[in-house]
Amino acid sequence: MRSRIPVLLFLLSLLCAGFLQITSGSRLLNEQQVDNQQPCGQQGAGQQACNQQQPCGQQGAGQQACNQQPGVQQGQQQPGVQGQQPQQPGNQQGQQSQQPGNQQGQQPGNQQGQQQPGNQQGQQQQPGNQQGQQQPGNQQGQQQPGNQQGQQGQPGNQQGQPQQPGNQQGQQAQPVGICHGTFADNQPSSQDAISLVQSTGIRRLRLYGPDQNALQSLRNTGIEVVLGVPNDQLQSVASSQNNANQWVQTNVQNYQDVNFRFIVVGNGITPAHDQTSQFAQFVLPAMQNIQNAISACGLQNKMRVTTAIDQSEILSQSYPPSQGQFRPEVRQFIDPIIQFLVNNNNVPLLVNLHPYFSYVHNKADIPQEFESSGKGGQHPRLEYATFQRSDAIVQDGQLGYTNVFDAMVDSVHSALEKAGGSSLDVVVSEVGWPTAGGDAASVENASTHNNKLINHVLNNGTPKRPQKRIETYIFNLFDENKRDSEEFERHWGVFWNNKQAKYQINFQSQ
């Protein structure tokens, strides 16, 4: 018996040593797994999306992975937030001779200095949401930004589809927003600007670029924000999904207490114009990458991805409204974008349009012959441009138009119908009137136009879609003194730089 004791002790020591080795190995394996976890925005198949606990691409069936590359690889350019410099519409720094819009009929906010051809390469790339997956929109009846309870279905939303932020149903009046273009060096601070917006009761605000001070001031205000991806950042966002992830992380995900409504990828871009053609090839892949990044963060039901076009630049014909159609040379650019919006559950198309340019440049939207055609009134063209007519001054088939705003919006509706976008709504992302510096540019005319515009869009649709209220953003919050073209382009502000209104205006008028 005594001879067996040493043997038993030896076997017991072997068992203890084995147990200690297994325990140590398990601890080492756990440490290695912790060390291998990827932070948000870093490359790697297992990366986490935007600091969410859900892995990238698991927000819904068919969601694309965060590292998916766009169709255009044009040399990566690291995205940068130009927070300290004034963000002008479209984020064009140091550019000169810019008008409120690409003149030849340019709209406020499109100031692109470089000139390169850059047509979209005809690719029919599908958006990040694949067929059969859950589309951005109201999930299980939850309320989205801008969707009021009890709203009825609108054109383009099929029965049973989830409602989307930005799709305003039926006859529900939409709050009128304002644009905050900052191509100036004498405006109030971003904090003061946001305080003014709040105190005025304005409930929607368009920012042309990610001004960090403005975004910080917008936290917990409830103001719905339309945030732009500036034109000069499109190549970076389009060339790399990681760049798009970083852009969303920095400018959206970090501000989850800001009520984002739209992410607008590019402003006023068309391959038919020298000042913006260089950006055209990047718009669709940038939209796809931003959509992927937002979906990966689980934010696809809170905001929508779209772009903003200029009505005067992209239509070959707009008068009469039923004849509205896109220029043949832009179809390869605009058609895939329309399909992206349709496939993402009918995201609205944002459109910059300006009756003032139609008036002063004698464009077809406001025919010169109005003055001598017995239309009545002292200045029928100006009255038609500023909502001062009660009679239908333009008759288009069975539809009569009392103002050029409705006619311009319906010309885009007609163009969309001809390009497979009949289900899309139009959001007017810029419209206004200057107070000085040009023909008919006065405080009186600006007051008339903007106040009557507010009353009109709160209470009426267009003749083509009479039941649909048009979501509208007035240009501009303040004047922009750094615009170097015609004088009137510096005077679109509703408020002086001392934050006093230039004229009485009520954004909640009924």
Protein backbone atom coordinates (compact mmCIF):
# COMPACT_ATOMS: atom_id res chain seq x y z
CA MET A 1 0.00 0.00 0.00
CA ARG A 2 2.79 2.38 0.94
CA SER A 3 4.47 1.75 -2.41
CA ARG A 4 1.41 3.08 -4.27
CA ILE A 5 1.28 6.45 -2.49
CA PRO A 6 4.16 8.08 -4.47
CA VAL A 7 2.57 6.92 -7.72
CA LEU A 8 -0.77 8.45 -6.79
CA LEU A 9 0.88 11.74 -5.78
CA PHE A 10 2.74 11.84 -9.13
CA LEU A 11 -0.49 11.34 -11.13
CA LEU A 12 -2.27 14.02 -9.09
CA SER A 13 0.49 16.55 -9.83
CA LEU A 14 0.20 15.84 -13.57
CA LEU A 15 -3.56 16.51 -13.48
CA CYS A 16 -3.07 19.84 -11.68
CA ALA A 17 -0.42 20.98 -14.16
CA GLY A 18 -2.70 20.17 -17.11
CA PHE A 19 -5.60 22.12 -15.60
CA LEU A 20 -3.42 25.20 -15.08
CA GLN A 21 -2.18 25.05 -18.69
CA ILE A 22 -5.75 24.87 -20.10
CA THR A 23 -6.85 27.84 -17.95
CA SER A 24 -3.89 29.95 -19.08
CA GLY A 25 -4.52 29.16 -22.74
CA SER A 26 -8.18 30.14 -22.51
CA ARG A 27 -7.27 33.49 -20.92
CA LEU A 28 -4.72 34.20 -23.69
CA LEU A 29 -7.26 33.41 -26.39
CA ASN A 30 -9.79 35.82 -24.87
CA GLU A 31 -7.19 38.59 -24.71
CA GLN A 32 -6.31 38.08 -28.37
CA GLN A 33 -9.97 38.29 -29.36
CA VAL A 34 -10.36 41.59 -27.51
CA ASP A 35 -7.24 43.00 -29.16
CA ASN A 36 -8.52 42.07 -32.61
CA GLN A 37 -11.79 44.05 -32.41
CA GLN A 38 -12.01 46.85 -35.03
CA PRO A 39 -13.20 50.35 -34.13
CA CYS A 40 -15.75 52.21 -36.27
CA GLY A 41 -14.48 53.31 -39.65
CA GLN A 42 -11.41 51.05 -39.78
CA GLN A 43 -10.97 48.54 -42.55
CA GLY A 44 -11.72 44.91 -41.88
CA ALA A 45 -14.48 42.51 -42.71
CA GLY A 46 -15.60 42.38 -39.11
CA GLN A 47 -15.67 46.12 -38.45
CA GLN A 48 -18.39 47.58 -36.33
CA ALA A 49 -20.60 50.18 -37.98
CA CYS A 50 -20.45 53.64 -36.47
CA ASN A 51 -19.90 52.46 -32.88
CA GLN A 52 -23.14 50.49 -32.94
CA GLN A 53 -23.30 47.09 -31.32
CA GLN A 54 -24.75 45.63 -34.49
CA PRO A 55 -22.13 44.55 -37.03
CA CYS A 56 -22.02 46.45 -40.30
CA GLY A 57 -24.55 45.22 -42.82
CA GLN A 58 -26.86 43.49 -40.34
CA GLN A 59 -29.50 46.21 -40.22
CA GLY A 60 -31.81 44.38 -42.61
CA ALA A 61 -31.84 41.67 -45.20
CA GLY A 62 -29.82 42.59 -48.21
CA GLN A 63 -27.97 45.53 -46.62
CA GLN A 64 -24.63 46.06 -48.29
CA ALA A 65 -21.46 45.80 -46.29
CA CYS A 66 -19.75 48.99 -45.16
CA ASN A 67 -16.64 48.19 -47.11
CA GLN A 68 -18.39 47.81 -50.47
CA GLN A 69 -16.65 49.93 -53.09
CA PRO A 70 -18.52 52.25 -55.45
CA GLY A 71 -18.37 52.01 -59.18
CA VAL A 72 -16.01 54.98 -59.47
CA GLN A 73 -12.50 54.74 -58.03
CA GLN A 74 -10.99 58.12 -58.73
CA GLY A 75 -8.20 58.37 -56.22
CA GLN A 76 -9.00 58.61 -52.56
CA GLN A 77 -9.17 61.96 -50.92
CA GLN A 78 -9.58 62.08 -47.19
CA PRO A 79 -12.81 63.79 -46.20
CA GLY A 80 -12.35 66.91 -44.18
CA VAL A 81 -14.81 69.02 -42.27
CA GLN A 82 -14.34 72.67 -43.11
CA GLY A 83 -15.73 73.77 -39.78
CA GLN A 84 -13.73 76.91 -39.23
CA GLN A 85 -14.20 78.39 -42.69
CA PRO A 86 -17.56 79.71 -43.83
CA GLN A 87 -19.51 77.01 -45.59
CA GLN A 88 -21.17 78.51 -48.61
CA PRO A 89 -23.88 76.65 -50.45
CA GLY A 90 -22.10 73.74 -52.04
CA ASN A 91 -18.98 74.36 -49.89
CA GLN A 92 -17.00 76.22 -52.51
CA GLN A 93 -14.15 77.97 -50.81
CA GLY A 94 -12.45 80.88 -52.42
CA GLN A 95 -14.49 80.68 -55.59
CA GLN A 96 -15.45 83.86 -57.28
CA SER A 97 -18.03 85.26 -59.61
CA GLN A 98 -20.65 83.05 -58.06
CA GLN A 99 -24.30 83.84 -58.33
CA PRO A 100 -27.25 82.60 -56.37
CA GLY A 101 -27.39 79.66 -58.72
CA ASN A 102 -25.49 78.75 -61.83
CA GLN A 103 -26.04 81.80 -63.97
CA GLN A 104 -27.12 81.18 -67.11
CA GLY A 105 -30.01 80.74 -64.70
CA GLN A 106 -27.94 79.40 -61.84
CA GLN A 107 -29.61 78.98 -58.51
CA PRO A 108 -28.36 80.34 -55.20
CA GLY A 109 -25.98 77.89 -53.66
CA ASN A 110 -24.20 76.47 -56.68
CA GLN A 111 -20.75 77.94 -56.94
CA GLN A 112 -18.33 75.65 -58.66
CA GLY A 113 -15.18 77.18 -60.00
CA GLN A 114 -13.40 74.33 -61.79
CA GLN A 115 -14.35 73.30 -65.26
CA GLN A 116 -14.05 69.71 -66.33
CA PRO A 117 -16.32 67.38 -68.15
CA GLY A 118 -17.50 64.61 -65.93
CA ASN A 119 -20.62 62.86 -67.08
CA GLN A 120 -21.97 60.03 -65.05
CA GLN A 121 -20.69 56.94 -66.78
CA GLY A 122 -24.12 55.66 -67.60
CA GLN A 123 -23.95 53.08 -64.90
CA GLN A 124 -27.30 51.86 -63.69
CA GLN A 125 -25.98 51.14 -60.24
CA GLN A 126 -28.58 50.09 -57.80
CA PRO A 127 -28.82 51.77 -54.41
CA GLY A 128 -27.63 50.12 -51.26
CA ASN A 129 -31.06 48.68 -50.59
CA GLN A 130 -31.46 45.49 -52.56
CA GLN A 131 -34.77 44.07 -53.67
CA GLY A 132 -36.76 42.53 -50.91
CA GLN A 133 -34.97 44.29 -48.10
CA GLN A 134 -36.62 46.70 -45.70
CA GLN A 135 -36.55 50.15 -47.27
CA PRO A 136 -35.75 53.36 -45.46
CA GLY A 137 -39.01 54.50 -44.06
CA ASN A 138 -41.35 54.03 -41.18
CA GLN A 139 -40.78 50.61 -39.66
CA GLN A 140 -43.93 49.07 -38.25
CA GLY A 141 -45.76 52.34 -38.22
CA GLN A 142 -43.22 54.38 -36.32
CA GLN A 143 -43.39 58.12 -36.92
CA GLN A 144 -40.65 59.67 -39.02
CA PRO A 145 -39.35 63.22 -39.28
CA GLY A 146 -41.94 65.22 -41.10
CA ASN A 147 -44.58 62.49 -41.11
CA GLN A 148 -47.53 63.70 -39.12
CA GLN A 149 -49.82 61.18 -37.54
CA GLY A 150 -52.98 60.61 -39.44
CA GLN A 151 -51.54 61.60 -42.78
CA GLN A 152 -52.90 59.89 -45.82
CA GLY A 153 -51.03 58.21 -48.63
CA GLN A 154 -49.49 60.37 -51.31
CA PRO A 155 -48.59 59.90 -54.93
CA GLY A 156 -45.86 57.34 -55.32
CA ASN A 157 -46.37 55.52 -52.05
CA GLN A 158 -48.02 52.23 -52.80
CA GLN A 159 -50.50 50.82 -50.39
CA GLY A 160 -48.85 49.14 -47.46
CA GLN A 161 -45.45 50.73 -48.03
CA PRO A 162 -43.71 52.11 -44.96
CA GLN A 163 -43.91 55.89 -44.78
CA GLN A 164 -40.69 57.79 -45.23
CA PRO A 165 -39.16 60.83 -43.63
CA GLY A 166 -39.63 63.50 -46.24
CA ASN A 167 -42.77 61.97 -47.71
CA GLN A 168 -45.57 64.19 -46.48
CA GLN A 169 -48.88 62.55 -46.87
CA GLY A 170 -52.07 64.02 -48.20
CA GLN A 171 -53.12 67.55 -47.34
CA GLN A 172 -51.02 67.96 -44.21
CA ALA A 173 -49.33 71.39 -44.29
CA GLN A 174 -45.54 71.25 -44.22
CA PRO A 175 -43.45 73.64 -42.11
CA VAL A 176 -41.59 76.08 -44.33
CA GLY A 177 -37.84 75.91 -43.77
CA ILE A 178 -34.98 78.27 -44.47
CA CYS A 179 -31.54 77.87 -46.05
CA HIS A 180 -28.42 78.94 -44.17
CA GLY A 181 -25.84 79.84 -46.81
CA THR A 182 -22.63 81.14 -45.27
CA PHE A 183 -20.60 82.53 -48.17
CA ALA A 184 -19.83 85.60 -46.07
CA ASP A 185 -17.43 86.97 -43.51
CA ASN A 186 -19.78 89.22 -41.57
CA GLN A 187 -22.64 86.97 -40.52
CA PRO A 188 -23.58 86.22 -36.92
CA SER A 189 -22.00 83.16 -35.34
CA SER A 190 -23.49 79.74 -35.95
CA GLN A 191 -24.77 79.70 -32.39
CA ASP A 192 -26.53 83.04 -32.87
CA ALA A 193 -27.94 81.90 -36.20
CA ILE A 194 -29.48 78.77 -34.68
CA SER A 195 -30.86 80.80 -31.76
CA LEU A 196 -32.50 83.14 -34.28
CA VAL A 197 -34.02 80.21 -36.16
CA GLN A 198 -35.43 78.86 -32.90
CA SER A 199 -36.81 82.18 -31.71
CA THR A 200 -38.50 82.79 -35.07
CA GLY A 201 -40.29 79.45 -34.88
CA ILE A 202 -38.64 78.07 -38.02
CA ARG A 203 -38.79 74.29 -37.78
CA ARG A 204 -36.63 73.20 -40.73
CA LEU A 205 -33.13 74.31 -41.71
CA ARG A 206 -30.93 73.54 -44.70
CA LEU A 207 -27.16 73.50 -44.16
CA TYR A 208 -25.00 73.26 -47.28
CA GLY A 209 -22.14 71.61 -45.43
CA PRO A 210 -21.35 70.10 -42.01
CA ASP A 211 -20.66 73.19 -39.91
CA GLN A 212 -19.72 71.62 -36.57
CA ASN A 213 -20.64 74.72 -34.58
CA ALA A 214 -24.08 74.82 -36.16
CA LEU A 215 -24.61 71.10 -35.59
CA GLN A 216 -23.55 71.48 -31.98
CA SER A 217 -26.08 74.29 -31.53
CA LEU A 218 -28.83 72.21 -33.15
CA ARG A 219 -28.65 69.46 -30.53
CA ASN A 220 -31.97 68.80 -28.83
CA THR A 221 -33.69 71.72 -30.59
CA GLY A 222 -36.13 69.57 -32.56
CA ILE A 223 -35.32 71.54 -35.72
CA GLU A 224 -35.32 69.25 -38.74
CA VAL A 225 -31.98 69.53 -40.54
CA VAL A 226 -31.23 69.09 -44.23
CA LEU A 227 -27.48 68.45 -44.30
CA GLY A 228 -25.39 68.69 -47.47
CA VAL A 229 -22.38 66.70 -48.58
CA PRO A 230 -20.52 69.57 -50.30
CA ASN A 231 -19.56 69.18 -53.94
CA ASP A 232 -15.86 69.31 -53.22
CA GLN A 233 -16.15 66.30 -50.87
CA LEU A 234 -18.01 64.06 -53.33
CA GLN A 235 -14.93 62.45 -54.88
CA SER A 236 -13.66 61.36 -51.48
CA VAL A 237 -17.02 59.93 -50.43
CA ALA A 238 -17.55 58.24 -53.81
CA SER A 239 -14.10 56.67 -54.02
CA SER A 240 -14.15 54.81 -50.71
CA GLN A 241 -16.83 53.30 -48.51
CA ASN A 242 -14.53 53.89 -45.55
CA ASN A 243 -14.45 57.61 -46.36
CA ALA A 244 -18.24 57.64 -46.50
CA ASN A 245 -18.38 55.82 -43.16
CA GLN A 246 -16.04 58.40 -41.65
CA TRP A 247 -18.11 61.28 -43.06
CA VAL A 248 -21.30 59.85 -41.55
CA GLN A 249 -19.57 59.09 -38.26
CA THR A 250 -18.18 62.63 -37.94
CA ASN A 251 -21.14 64.63 -39.16
CA VAL A 252 -24.20 62.50 -38.43
CA GLN A 253 -23.59 59.68 -35.97
CA ASN A 254 -21.80 62.00 -33.57
CA TYR A 255 -24.94 64.16 -33.46
CA GLN A 256 -27.66 61.64 -32.70
CA ASP A 257 -29.58 64.31 -30.79
CA VAL A 258 -29.86 66.38 -34.00
CA ASN A 259 -33.00 65.70 -36.02
CA PHE A 260 -31.63 65.03 -39.51
CA ARG A 261 -34.23 64.93 -42.29
CA PHE A 262 -32.23 64.60 -45.51
CA ILE A 263 -28.59 64.05 -46.38
CA VAL A 264 -28.20 65.92 -49.68
CA VAL A 265 -25.31 64.53 -51.72
CA GLY A 266 -24.16 67.37 -53.98
CA ASN A 267 -25.92 70.59 -54.91
CA GLY A 268 -26.88 71.85 -58.36
CA ILE A 269 -24.66 69.46 -60.29
CA THR A 270 -25.19 68.76 -63.98
CA PRO A 271 -22.82 67.44 -66.66
CA ALA A 272 -24.19 70.13 -68.97
CA HIS A 273 -22.60 73.02 -67.07
CA ASP A 274 -18.89 73.80 -67.01
CA GLN A 275 -18.87 74.82 -63.36
CA THR A 276 -20.34 71.55 -62.04
CA SER A 277 -19.65 68.91 -64.71
CA GLN A 278 -16.47 67.79 -62.95
CA PHE A 279 -18.54 66.49 -60.04
CA ALA A 280 -21.20 64.67 -62.03
CA GLN A 281 -19.49 61.28 -62.12
CA PHE A 282 -19.26 61.18 -58.32
CA VAL A 283 -22.87 61.95 -57.36
CA LEU A 284 -24.45 58.48 -57.69
CA PRO A 285 -21.61 56.44 -56.11
CA ALA A 286 -21.41 59.00 -53.29
CA MET A 287 -25.16 58.64 -52.71
CA GLN A 288 -24.78 54.86 -52.62
CA ASN A 289 -21.89 54.98 -50.14
CA ILE A 290 -23.65 57.47 -47.86
CA GLN A 291 -26.78 55.29 -47.95
CA ASN A 292 -24.70 52.24 -47.05
CA ALA A 293 -23.04 54.06 -44.16
CA ILE A 294 -26.33 55.36 -42.78
CA SER A 295 -27.95 51.92 -43.06
CA ALA A 296 -24.97 50.32 -41.33
CA CYS A 297 -25.43 52.72 -38.42
CA GLY A 298 -29.11 51.77 -38.17
CA LEU A 299 -30.20 55.32 -39.10
CA GLN A 300 -31.93 54.55 -42.40
CA ASN A 301 -35.37 55.06 -40.83
CA LYS A 302 -34.50 58.51 -39.45
CA MET A 303 -33.14 60.30 -42.52
CA ARG A 304 -33.03 59.90 -46.28
CA VAL A 305 -30.33 60.26 -48.91
CA THR A 306 -30.98 62.39 -51.98
CA THR A 307 -29.43 65.16 -54.11
CA ALA A 308 -30.42 68.68 -55.17
CA ILE A 309 -30.69 69.78 -58.80
CA ASP A 310 -31.35 73.15 -60.44
CA GLN A 311 -34.60 73.32 -62.37
CA SER A 312 -33.30 75.83 -64.90
CA GLU A 313 -30.06 73.94 -65.55
CA ILE A 314 -31.34 70.41 -65.96
CA LEU A 315 -34.58 70.89 -67.92
CA SER A 316 -34.51 71.47 -71.66
CA GLN A 317 -38.11 72.68 -71.59
CA SER A 318 -40.28 73.91 -68.76
CA TYR A 319 -43.06 75.89 -70.48
CA PRO A 320 -45.81 74.96 -70.54
CA PRO A 321 -45.35 72.80 -67.42
CA SER A 322 -46.76 69.64 -69.04
CA GLN A 323 -43.87 69.77 -71.55
CA GLY A 324 -41.19 69.72 -68.87
CA GLN A 325 -38.38 67.32 -69.72
CA PHE A 326 -34.75 66.74 -68.85
CA ARG A 327 -32.03 67.79 -71.26
CA PRO A 328 -30.98 64.86 -73.47
CA GLU A 329 -27.34 65.37 -72.49
CA VAL A 330 -28.13 64.89 -68.78
CA ARG A 331 -30.27 61.76 -69.05
CA GLN A 332 -27.30 59.45 -68.56
CA PHE A 333 -26.59 61.38 -65.34
CA ILE A 334 -30.09 61.90 -63.93
CA ASP A 335 -31.82 58.62 -64.87
CA PRO A 336 -29.73 56.37 -62.55
CA ILE A 337 -30.22 58.90 -59.75
CA ILE A 338 -33.99 58.79 -60.27
CA GLN A 339 -33.88 54.99 -60.11
CA PHE A 340 -31.84 55.16 -56.90
CA LEU A 341 -34.52 57.36 -55.32
CA VAL A 342 -37.35 55.15 -56.59
CA ASN A 343 -35.68 51.96 -55.42
CA ASN A 344 -35.12 53.43 -51.97
CA ASN A 345 -38.87 53.71 -51.49
CA ASN A 346 -39.42 56.96 -53.36
CA VAL A 347 -37.05 59.39 -51.70
CA PRO A 348 -38.04 62.92 -52.81
CA LEU A 349 -35.87 64.79 -55.30
CA LEU A 350 -34.70 68.19 -54.09
CA VAL A 351 -34.98 71.01 -56.61
CA ASN A 352 -33.59 74.56 -56.49
CA LEU A 353 -35.83 76.94 -58.42
CA HIS A 354 -35.98 80.72 -58.58
CA PRO A 355 -38.79 82.74 -60.10
CA TYR A 356 -36.58 85.83 -59.78
CA PHE A 357 -34.16 84.56 -62.43
CA SER A 358 -37.01 83.63 -64.72
CA TYR A 359 -38.33 87.16 -64.35
CA VAL A 360 -35.11 89.17 -64.77
CA HIS A 361 -33.68 86.98 -67.55
CA ASN A 362 -36.93 86.84 -69.51
CA LYS A 363 -37.01 83.08 -69.45
CA ALA A 364 -39.79 81.04 -71.01
CA ASP A 365 -41.29 80.30 -67.57
CA ILE A 366 -42.59 83.90 -67.55
CA PRO A 367 -43.12 84.81 -71.21
CA GLN A 368 -42.28 88.37 -72.20
CA GLU A 369 -45.50 88.62 -74.18
CA PHE A 370 -47.44 88.69 -70.90
CA GLU A 371 -46.81 92.44 -70.81
CA SER A 372 -48.70 93.05 -74.06
CA SER A 373 -51.21 90.23 -74.16
CA GLY A 374 -54.04 91.86 -72.25
CA LYS A 375 -53.42 89.81 -69.09
CA GLY A 376 -54.41 92.78 -66.95
CA GLY A 377 -52.52 94.45 -64.13
CA GLN A 378 -49.69 96.95 -64.36
CA HIS A 379 -46.92 94.36 -64.37
CA PRO A 380 -48.38 90.93 -65.14
CA ARG A 381 -44.96 89.20 -65.36
CA LEU A 382 -43.92 90.46 -61.92
CA GLU A 383 -47.34 89.67 -60.48
CA TYR A 384 -47.13 86.13 -61.87
CA ALA A 385 -43.66 85.75 -60.32
CA THR A 386 -44.68 87.02 -56.87
CA PHE A 387 -48.03 85.30 -56.23
CA GLN A 388 -50.07 88.46 -56.91
CA ARG A 389 -52.49 86.95 -59.43
CA SER A 390 -55.72 85.20 -58.57
CA ASP A 391 -56.58 84.39 -62.17
CA ALA A 392 -54.93 81.68 -64.26
CA ILE A 393 -52.45 83.63 -66.33
CA VAL A 394 -51.12 80.42 -67.92
CA GLN A 395 -53.48 77.74 -69.19
CA ASP A 396 -51.90 74.32 -69.80
CA GLY A 397 -54.63 72.03 -71.06
CA GLN A 398 -57.13 71.75 -68.25
CA LEU A 399 -54.67 73.11 -65.67
CA GLY A 400 -54.50 76.83 -64.93
CA TYR A 401 -51.52 78.54 -63.26
CA THR A 402 -51.76 81.72 -61.20
CA ASN A 403 -48.05 81.79 -60.27
CA VAL A 404 -44.77 80.68 -61.79
CA PHE A 405 -43.73 78.72 -58.67
CA ASP A 406 -46.41 76.09 -59.29
CA ALA A 407 -45.56 76.01 -62.98
CA MET A 408 -41.86 75.43 -62.29
CA VAL A 409 -42.57 72.65 -59.76
CA ASP A 410 -44.99 70.93 -62.14
CA SER A 411 -42.46 71.16 -64.97
CA VAL A 412 -40.18 68.98 -62.83
CA HIS A 413 -43.08 66.62 -62.09
CA SER A 414 -43.62 66.27 -65.83
CA ALA A 415 -39.94 65.63 -66.48
CA LEU A 416 -39.85 62.97 -63.77
CA GLU A 417 -42.87 61.23 -65.28
CA LYS A 418 -41.02 60.99 -68.60
CA ALA A 419 -37.93 59.52 -66.90
CA GLY A 420 -39.48 56.80 -64.75
CA GLY A 421 -39.87 58.95 -61.65
CA SER A 422 -43.62 59.56 -61.53
CA SER A 423 -43.73 58.18 -57.97
CA LEU A 424 -41.28 60.79 -56.65
CA ASP A 425 -42.20 63.94 -54.79
CA VAL A 426 -40.43 67.25 -55.34
CA VAL A 427 -38.99 69.21 -52.41
CA VAL A 428 -38.19 72.84 -53.25
CA SER A 429 -34.80 73.18 -51.59
CA GLU A 430 -34.18 76.82 -52.60
CA VAL A 431 -36.55 79.63 -53.53
CA GLY A 432 -36.45 83.30 -52.63
CA TRP A 433 -36.24 86.92 -53.76
CA PRO A 434 -33.43 89.48 -53.34
CA THR A 435 -33.98 92.73 -51.47
CA ALA A 436 -31.51 94.94 -53.35
CA GLY A 437 -29.02 95.18 -56.18
CA GLY A 438 -31.06 94.36 -59.29
CA ASP A 439 -34.20 94.83 -61.32
CA ALA A 440 -37.27 94.35 -59.11
CA ALA A 441 -34.97 93.42 -56.20
CA SER A 442 -36.48 95.27 -53.25
CA VAL A 443 -37.61 94.72 -49.70
CA GLU A 444 -41.19 95.21 -50.83
CA ASN A 445 -41.03 92.58 -53.57
CA ALA A 446 -39.13 90.14 -51.37
CA SER A 447 -41.70 90.55 -48.62
CA THR A 448 -44.56 90.03 -51.06
CA HIS A 449 -42.98 86.98 -52.67
CA ASN A 450 -41.86 85.19 -49.53
CA ASN A 451 -44.95 85.84 -47.42
CA LYS A 452 -47.31 84.84 -50.20
CA LEU A 453 -45.10 81.82 -50.92
CA ILE A 454 -45.43 80.66 -47.31
CA ASN A 455 -49.20 81.04 -47.33
CA HIS A 456 -49.43 79.30 -50.68
CA VAL A 457 -47.40 76.18 -49.87
CA LEU A 458 -49.03 75.78 -46.46
CA ASN A 459 -52.50 75.75 -47.99
CA ASN A 460 -52.19 74.54 -51.57
CA GLY A 461 -50.62 71.96 -53.78
CA THR A 462 -49.84 72.56 -57.44
CA PRO A 463 -52.40 72.22 -60.24
CA LYS A 464 -50.82 68.90 -61.24
CA ARG A 465 -50.82 67.57 -57.67
CA PRO A 466 -53.40 69.67 -55.82
CA GLN A 467 -53.57 67.42 -52.76
CA LYS A 468 -49.82 67.42 -52.15
CA ARG A 469 -48.31 70.24 -50.12
CA ILE A 470 -44.84 71.17 -51.37
CA GLU A 471 -42.06 71.05 -48.79
CA THR A 472 -40.20 74.34 -49.28
CA TYR A 473 -37.02 76.07 -48.05
CA ILE A 474 -36.61 79.85 -48.45
CA PHE A 475 -33.23 81.17 -49.50
CA ASN A 476 -31.62 82.73 -47.42
CA LEU A 477 -31.25 83.34 -43.68
CA PHE A 478 -28.69 86.17 -44.07
CA ASP A 479 -27.07 88.10 -46.89
CA GLU A 480 -23.80 86.72 -48.27
CA ASN A 481 -21.33 89.51 -48.89
CA LYS A 482 -18.61 87.33 -50.47
CA ARG A 483 -20.52 86.64 -53.66
CA ASP A 484 -18.59 88.43 -56.37
CA SER A 485 -20.96 88.47 -59.32
CA GLU A 486 -23.94 90.74 -59.76
CA GLU A 487 -24.84 92.86 -56.77
CA PHE A 488 -28.28 91.34 -56.18
CA GLU A 489 -26.69 87.97 -55.42
CA ARG A 490 -25.48 89.32 -52.07
CA HIS A 491 -28.93 90.32 -50.85
CA TRP A 492 -31.15 87.26 -50.49
CA GLY A 493 -31.26 87.28 -46.70
CA VAL A 494 -34.54 87.46 -44.81
CA PHE A 495 -32.63 88.88 -41.83
CA TRP A 496 -30.00 91.57 -41.50
CA ASN A 497 -26.73 90.59 -39.88
CA ASN A 498 -27.94 92.21 -36.64
CA LYS A 499 -30.58 89.44 -36.63
CA GLN A 500 -33.43 91.87 -37.26
CA ALA A 501 -35.92 90.88 -39.95
CA LYS A 502 -35.76 92.99 -43.11
CA TYR A 503 -39.55 92.81 -43.31
CA GLN A 504 -42.36 91.23 -41.37
CA ILE A 505 -42.57 87.52 -42.08
CA ASN A 506 -44.36 84.64 -40.40
CA PHE A 507 -43.17 81.13 -41.20
CA GLN A 508 -46.33 79.67 -39.61
CA SER A 509 -48.80 81.77 -41.61
CA GLN A 510 -52.00 80.02 -42.63
